Amino acid sequence: MKIVGVGRSMAAAALAVALLGLAGCSDDDANADDEPSSTMTPTASTSPTASESSTPEEPTLPEWPAAADGTGDKAARAFARYWLEMVNYAQSTGDTAPLEDLHTPECSACTSGVDQVKSDWSHGRTLRGGEYRIDHLGTRRSSEKLINIAEIRAQYSKQEKISRSGKVLEVIEPARVAYRLYLRRDGGRWVVAALEVWQ
């Protein structure tokens, strides 16, 4: 699967991260996890034409969900949904600080993704569209202490990368993707320690 933008950068680094051993556990809240969430970025094709899409509403900063305050599987899933919402917010606004706060320094894939967003915005490029909807969100425990693994399958809408002059530089077609987040507790809250693309 070819992935561009945030998705491509994160995936490239994440695939180099050694997988933690898994000790499976059941997902006891599957129905509650089929909720809409956020944006990263997959397969792209170049487009020289300008977009005629309407101006999107100004994104608002996602609020930390109270459901993510716990230490169990439900809290881990709530955090994973929040993380995707924050990726979406960072791409649509260029404000990456809140997203960076959700990653550990060891998550090289996360850092690469943030750097890509920063690069786009510093060069006057913006991202339009690419809204994610979660099809499946489950968790499992790692054999390593305090690590939860969130497995996300999602679909996203068409996304455009647009230059400062309004020219469409890339069109990213709708598709489905799957991400695996390695979560751990840090300072009393969840953070992303590693990220990978999975099938």
Protein backbone atom coordinates (compact mmCIF):
# COMPACT_ATOMS: atom_id res chain seq x y z
CA MET A 1 0.00 0.00 0.00
CA LYS A 2 1.49 3.35 -1.05
CA ILE A 3 0.87 6.17 1.39
CA VAL A 4 1.69 9.86 1.06
CA GLY A 5 1.77 12.88 3.31
CA VAL A 6 1.33 12.05 6.98
CA GLY A 7 0.45 8.44 6.28
CA ARG A 8 3.45 7.77 4.04
CA SER A 9 5.92 9.39 6.43
CA MET A 10 4.55 7.65 9.49
CA ALA A 11 4.34 4.29 7.74
CA ALA A 12 7.90 4.38 6.44
CA ALA A 13 9.32 4.96 9.90
CA ALA A 14 6.88 2.69 11.69
CA LEU A 15 7.75 -0.36 9.61
CA ALA A 16 11.25 -0.20 11.05
CA VAL A 17 9.93 -0.47 14.60
CA ALA A 18 10.23 -3.98 16.06
CA LEU A 19 6.84 -5.44 16.94
CA LEU A 20 6.08 -6.02 20.59
CA GLY A 21 4.89 -9.48 21.61
CA LEU A 22 1.10 -9.74 21.71
CA ALA A 23 -1.06 -11.38 24.34
CA GLY A 24 -4.56 -11.26 22.90
CA CYS A 25 -7.58 -10.03 24.85
CA SER A 26 -11.19 -9.68 23.75
CA ASP A 27 -12.75 -6.37 22.68
CA ASP A 28 -15.73 -5.95 24.98
CA ASP A 29 -17.04 -2.71 23.47
CA ALA A 30 -16.97 -3.25 19.69
CA ASN A 31 -20.23 -1.47 18.85
CA ALA A 32 -19.21 1.70 20.65
CA ASP A 33 -16.11 1.96 18.47
CA ASP A 34 -17.78 2.43 15.09
CA GLU A 35 -17.56 6.20 15.30
CA PRO A 36 -16.29 8.87 12.87
CA SER A 37 -12.77 10.14 13.38
CA SER A 38 -9.96 11.96 11.68
CA THR A 39 -7.41 12.38 8.92
CA MET A 40 -4.02 11.14 7.86
CA THR A 41 -3.14 10.70 4.17
CA PRO A 42 -2.89 7.78 1.69
CA THR A 43 -2.46 7.05 -2.09
CA ALA A 44 -1.90 10.07 -4.30
CA SER A 45 -2.04 11.14 -7.94
CA THR A 46 -0.88 14.47 -9.34
CA SER A 47 -3.51 16.93 -10.55
CA PRO A 48 -2.70 20.24 -12.28
CA THR A 49 -6.21 21.67 -12.14
CA ALA A 50 -7.67 24.02 -9.56
CA SER A 51 -10.27 22.81 -7.10
CA GLU A 52 -13.82 24.05 -7.15
CA SER A 53 -14.60 22.70 -3.69
CA SER A 54 -16.36 24.99 -1.24
CA THR A 55 -14.41 26.52 1.63
CA PRO A 56 -14.49 24.12 4.61
CA GLU A 57 -15.54 25.17 8.09
CA GLU A 58 -12.78 26.29 10.44
CA PRO A 59 -11.59 23.21 12.39
CA THR A 60 -11.89 23.29 16.18
CA LEU A 61 -9.34 21.80 18.55
CA PRO A 62 -10.58 18.39 19.76
CA GLU A 63 -11.17 18.15 23.51
CA TRP A 64 -9.52 15.46 25.59
CA PRO A 65 -12.16 12.75 26.17
CA ALA A 66 -12.90 11.87 29.79
CA ALA A 67 -13.26 8.25 28.65
CA ALA A 68 -9.51 8.18 27.91
CA ASP A 69 -8.57 8.88 31.53
CA GLY A 70 -8.66 5.21 32.57
CA THR A 71 -6.06 2.49 32.19
CA GLY A 72 -8.13 -0.26 30.53
CA ASP A 73 -9.07 -1.20 26.99
CA LYS A 74 -12.01 1.21 26.75
CA ALA A 75 -9.79 4.12 27.75
CA ALA A 76 -7.15 3.05 25.21
CA ARG A 77 -9.78 3.00 22.47
CA ALA A 78 -11.06 6.44 23.47
CA PHE A 79 -7.50 7.76 23.25
CA ALA A 80 -6.97 6.17 19.82
CA ARG A 81 -10.08 7.94 18.49
CA TYR A 82 -8.86 11.21 19.99
CA TRP A 83 -5.44 10.74 18.41
CA LEU A 84 -7.00 10.37 14.94
CA GLU A 85 -9.08 13.49 15.53
CA MET A 86 -5.90 15.36 16.45
CA VAL A 87 -4.12 14.15 13.29
CA ASN A 88 -7.04 15.54 11.31
CA TYR A 89 -6.85 18.84 13.17
CA ALA A 90 -3.09 19.16 12.62
CA GLN A 91 -3.41 18.56 8.88
CA SER A 92 -6.29 20.99 8.41
CA THR A 93 -4.75 23.82 10.46
CA GLY A 94 -0.98 23.32 10.45
CA ASP A 95 -1.06 23.45 14.26
CA THR A 96 0.94 20.35 15.18
CA ALA A 97 1.77 21.14 18.83
CA PRO A 98 -1.27 19.35 20.33
CA LEU A 99 -0.54 16.26 18.21
CA GLU A 100 3.13 16.25 19.16
CA ASP A 101 2.08 16.21 22.81
CA LEU A 102 0.45 12.79 22.24
CA HIS A 103 3.66 11.07 21.05
CA THR A 104 6.76 9.85 22.82
CA PRO A 105 10.18 10.92 21.48
CA GLU A 106 10.77 7.25 20.55
CA CYS A 107 7.92 7.25 18.01
CA SER A 108 9.98 8.09 14.93
CA ALA A 109 6.99 7.44 12.66
CA CYS A 110 4.96 10.01 14.58
CA THR A 111 7.76 12.57 14.35
CA SER A 112 8.09 11.99 10.59
CA GLY A 113 4.37 12.56 10.12
CA VAL A 114 4.41 15.78 12.10
CA ASP A 115 7.46 16.98 10.15
CA GLN A 116 5.58 16.39 6.86
CA VAL A 117 2.65 18.51 8.04
CA LYS A 118 5.03 21.26 9.15
CA SER A 119 6.80 21.16 5.78
CA ASP A 120 3.55 21.45 3.83
CA TRP A 121 2.29 24.41 5.82
CA SER A 122 5.66 26.20 5.92
CA HIS A 123 5.67 26.10 2.10
CA GLY A 124 2.16 27.48 1.85
CA ARG A 125 0.46 24.18 1.05
CA THR A 126 -2.84 23.18 2.65
CA LEU A 127 -4.76 19.90 2.86
CA ARG A 128 -8.47 19.79 2.11
CA GLY A 129 -10.73 16.81 2.83
CA GLY A 130 -9.56 13.36 3.85
CA GLU A 131 -12.04 12.87 6.68
CA TYR A 132 -11.67 9.47 8.32
CA ARG A 133 -14.45 7.20 9.56
CA ILE A 134 -13.54 4.25 11.72
CA ASP A 135 -14.84 0.89 10.53
CA HIS A 136 -13.22 -1.05 13.36
CA LEU A 137 -11.29 -0.14 16.49
CA GLY A 138 -10.09 -2.88 18.81
CA THR A 139 -7.40 -3.25 21.45
CA ARG A 140 -5.16 -6.01 22.63
CA ARG A 141 -2.59 -6.23 25.39
CA SER A 142 1.11 -6.55 24.69
CA SER A 143 3.31 -8.96 26.58
CA GLU A 144 5.30 -5.89 27.57
CA LYS A 145 3.99 -4.29 30.74
CA LEU A 146 1.69 -1.25 30.38
CA ILE A 147 1.50 -1.47 26.57
CA ASN A 148 -1.90 -1.54 24.85
CA ILE A 149 -2.18 -1.99 21.09
CA ALA A 150 -5.02 -0.27 19.23
CA GLU A 151 -5.84 -1.66 15.79
CA ILE A 152 -7.77 0.72 13.55
CA ARG A 153 -9.42 0.05 10.20
CA ALA A 154 -10.81 3.19 8.61
CA GLN A 155 -11.98 4.78 5.38
CA TYR A 156 -11.36 8.34 4.32
CA SER A 157 -12.80 10.76 1.82
CA LYS A 158 -11.05 12.41 -1.13
CA GLN A 159 -8.27 14.79 -0.14
CA GLU A 160 -6.50 17.56 -2.08
CA LYS A 161 -3.11 19.16 -1.48
CA ILE A 162 -3.38 22.81 -2.54
CA SER A 163 -0.71 25.43 -3.21
CA ARG A 164 -0.74 28.97 -1.87
CA SER A 165 -2.11 30.17 -5.24
CA GLY A 166 -5.00 27.70 -5.07
CA LYS A 167 -3.60 25.14 -7.52
CA VAL A 168 -4.34 21.50 -6.73
CA LEU A 169 -0.96 19.76 -6.44
CA GLU A 170 -2.19 16.28 -5.54
CA VAL A 171 -5.49 14.45 -5.35
CA ILE A 172 -5.67 11.62 -2.83
CA GLU A 173 -8.49 9.26 -3.72
CA PRO A 174 -10.84 7.68 -1.16
CA ALA A 175 -9.61 4.36 0.22
CA ARG A 176 -9.42 2.16 3.28
CA VAL A 177 -6.38 1.87 5.54
CA ALA A 178 -5.36 0.10 8.72
CA TYR A 179 -3.08 1.40 11.46
CA ARG A 180 -1.73 -0.17 14.62
CA LEU A 181 -0.90 2.13 17.54
CA TYR A 182 1.31 1.01 20.41
CA LEU A 183 0.06 2.89 23.45
CA ARG A 184 1.53 3.26 26.91
CA ARG A 185 0.89 5.32 30.00
CA ASP A 186 3.16 8.30 30.58
CA GLY A 187 2.62 10.78 33.39
CA GLY A 188 -0.84 9.38 34.11
CA ARG A 189 -2.13 9.49 30.52
CA TRP A 190 -1.93 7.60 27.24
CA VAL A 191 0.68 8.39 24.57
CA VAL A 192 1.63 6.79 21.24
CA ALA A 193 4.95 4.97 21.57
CA ALA A 194 5.00 3.47 18.05
CA LEU A 195 2.87 3.32 14.90
CA GLU A 196 2.69 0.98 11.92
CA VAL A 197 0.55 0.17 8.90
CA TRP A 198 -0.99 -3.30 9.02
CA GLN A 199 -3.14 -5.50 6.80
